[in-house]
Protein backbone atom coordinates (compact mmCIF):
# COMPACT_ATOMS: atom_id res chain seq x y z
CA MET A 1 10.86 -48.59 19.32
CA VAL A 2 10.75 -47.89 23.02
CA GLY A 3 10.58 -44.18 23.65
CA GLU A 4 9.48 -43.12 20.24
CA LEU A 5 6.11 -41.88 21.56
CA ARG A 6 7.94 -39.88 24.25
CA ALA A 7 10.05 -38.24 21.56
CA ASP A 8 7.04 -37.51 19.31
CA VAL A 9 5.21 -36.01 22.29
CA ALA A 10 8.15 -33.76 23.03
CA ARG A 11 8.21 -32.65 19.51
CA LEU A 12 4.51 -32.11 19.37
CA GLU A 13 4.73 -29.83 22.40
CA GLU A 14 7.62 -27.97 20.83
CA LEU A 15 5.65 -27.45 17.65
CA SER A 16 2.72 -26.15 19.62
CA GLY A 17 4.77 -23.23 20.68
CA ARG A 18 5.76 -22.56 17.07
CA LEU A 19 2.07 -22.55 15.99
CA HIS A 20 1.19 -20.05 18.71
CA GLY A 21 4.08 -17.87 17.33
CA LEU A 22 2.76 -18.22 13.78
CA ALA A 23 -0.77 -17.32 15.03
CA ALA A 24 0.58 -14.15 16.63
CA GLU A 25 2.50 -13.20 13.38
CA ALA A 26 -0.69 -14.03 11.27
CA SER A 27 -2.76 -11.73 13.49
CA ARG A 28 -0.46 -8.82 12.56
CA LEU A 29 -0.64 -9.30 8.87
CA ARG A 30 -2.27 -6.61 6.82
CA VAL A 31 -2.90 -6.37 3.05
CA GLY A 32 -5.59 -3.80 2.79
CA PRO A 33 -5.30 -0.10 3.28
CA ALA A 34 -3.72 -0.55 6.73
CA ALA A 35 -0.74 -2.11 4.95
CA GLY A 36 -0.07 1.10 3.21
CA PRO A 37 1.59 3.18 1.65
CA TYR A 38 -1.05 4.71 -0.46
CA ALA A 39 -1.32 8.07 -2.31
CA PRO A 40 -2.16 10.93 -0.10
CA ALA A 41 -5.28 11.93 -2.11
CA LEU A 42 -7.89 9.33 -2.78
CA ASP A 43 -8.92 11.07 -6.08
CA ALA A 44 -5.29 10.29 -7.31
CA LEU A 45 -6.05 6.62 -7.20
CA MET A 46 -7.78 4.59 -9.97
CA PRO A 47 -11.22 3.32 -8.92
CA SER A 48 -9.99 -0.28 -9.41
CA VAL A 49 -7.10 0.27 -6.95
CA LEU A 50 -9.65 1.67 -4.42
CA GLU A 51 -11.97 -1.34 -4.96
CA ALA A 52 -9.04 -3.88 -4.67
CA ALA A 53 -7.95 -2.27 -1.39
CA ARG A 54 -11.58 -2.34 -0.14
CA LEU A 55 -11.87 -6.09 -1.06
CA SER A 56 -8.56 -6.89 0.56
CA GLN A 57 -9.64 -5.14 3.71
CA GLU A 58 -13.03 -6.79 3.94
CA ILE A 59 -12.05 -10.28 2.89
CA VAL A 60 -8.42 -10.76 3.90
CA ASP A 61 -7.76 -8.42 6.72
CA SER A 62 -11.22 -8.84 8.39
CA ALA A 63 -12.01 -12.50 7.71
CA LEU A 64 -9.22 -14.70 6.38
CA ILE A 65 -6.33 -13.50 8.59
CA PRO A 66 -8.31 -13.70 11.80
CA ALA A 67 -9.56 -17.18 10.89
CA LEU A 68 -6.11 -18.27 10.05
CA ALA A 69 -4.69 -16.96 13.35
CA GLU A 70 -7.54 -18.53 15.28
CA ARG A 71 -7.02 -22.04 13.66
CA LEU A 72 -3.28 -21.85 14.26
CA GLY A 73 -3.78 -20.91 17.81
CA GLU A 74 -6.51 -23.59 18.41
CA THR A 75 -4.34 -26.25 16.81
CA GLY A 76 -1.39 -25.19 18.95
CA ASP A 77 -3.67 -25.52 21.98
CA VAL A 78 -4.69 -29.05 20.98
CA MET A 79 -1.06 -30.06 20.34
CA ARG A 80 0.08 -28.86 23.80
CA ALA A 81 -3.00 -30.47 25.54
CA THR A 82 -2.41 -33.80 23.66
CA ALA A 83 1.34 -33.73 24.49
CA ARG A 84 0.68 -33.08 28.14
CA GLU A 85 -1.95 -35.77 28.30
CA TYR A 86 0.30 -38.49 26.68
CA ARG A 87 3.69 -37.31 28.05
CA ASP A 88 4.07 -40.31 30.40
CA GLN A 89 2.54 -42.96 28.19
CA ASP A 90 4.30 -45.84 26.63
CA ASP A 91 4.59 -46.49 22.86
CA THR A 92 1.42 -48.63 22.82
CA SER A 93 -0.64 -45.46 23.43
CA ALA A 94 0.44 -43.91 20.03
CA THR A 95 -2.83 -44.85 18.23
CA ARG A 96 -4.87 -43.28 21.10
CA LEU A 97 -2.76 -40.11 20.82
CA VAL A 98 -3.40 -39.89 17.11
CA SER A 99 -7.09 -40.46 17.48
CA ALA A 100 -7.39 -37.79 20.32
CA TYR A 101 -5.46 -35.28 18.24
CA LEU A 102 -7.44 -35.75 15.07
CA SER A 103 -10.75 -35.78 16.97
CA ALA A 104 -9.71 -32.45 18.54
CA THR A 105 -8.62 -30.65 15.49
CA GLY A 106 -11.34 -31.79 13.11
CA ASP A 107 -11.35 -32.71 9.47
CA TRP A 108 -8.39 -31.19 7.59
CA ARG A 109 -9.34 -32.67 4.32
CA VAL A 110 -10.48 -30.41 1.43
CA ASP A 111 -13.22 -31.91 -0.78
CA GLU A 112 -12.89 -31.50 -4.49
CA ASP A 113 -15.01 -28.63 -5.93
CA PRO A 114 -18.01 -30.35 -7.42
CA ALA A 115 -18.27 -27.59 -10.12
């Protein structure tokens, strides 16, 4: 078991880079009108299509995608900082590493919808 924490920390640091890459990709996603292509004349589109495009832009492009990119980037930051802090620790520090990581990233559980 000696050295397992060191291997896990190295993997954690590697994955932090991937999360930062995913955050950058996510920030470039578009599903609303910016995603295009659309008909050149707005009067050629059904009202439901225009409303769907508006909702996509307001909810997905303006709120969900930025939140996703921010969460991925923040989690990547935590992973990198945790890996650096525990890089030279022995395997007995594994529990402290997990506690530090979970404390920094918050609660990832999704509660059941009470409705």
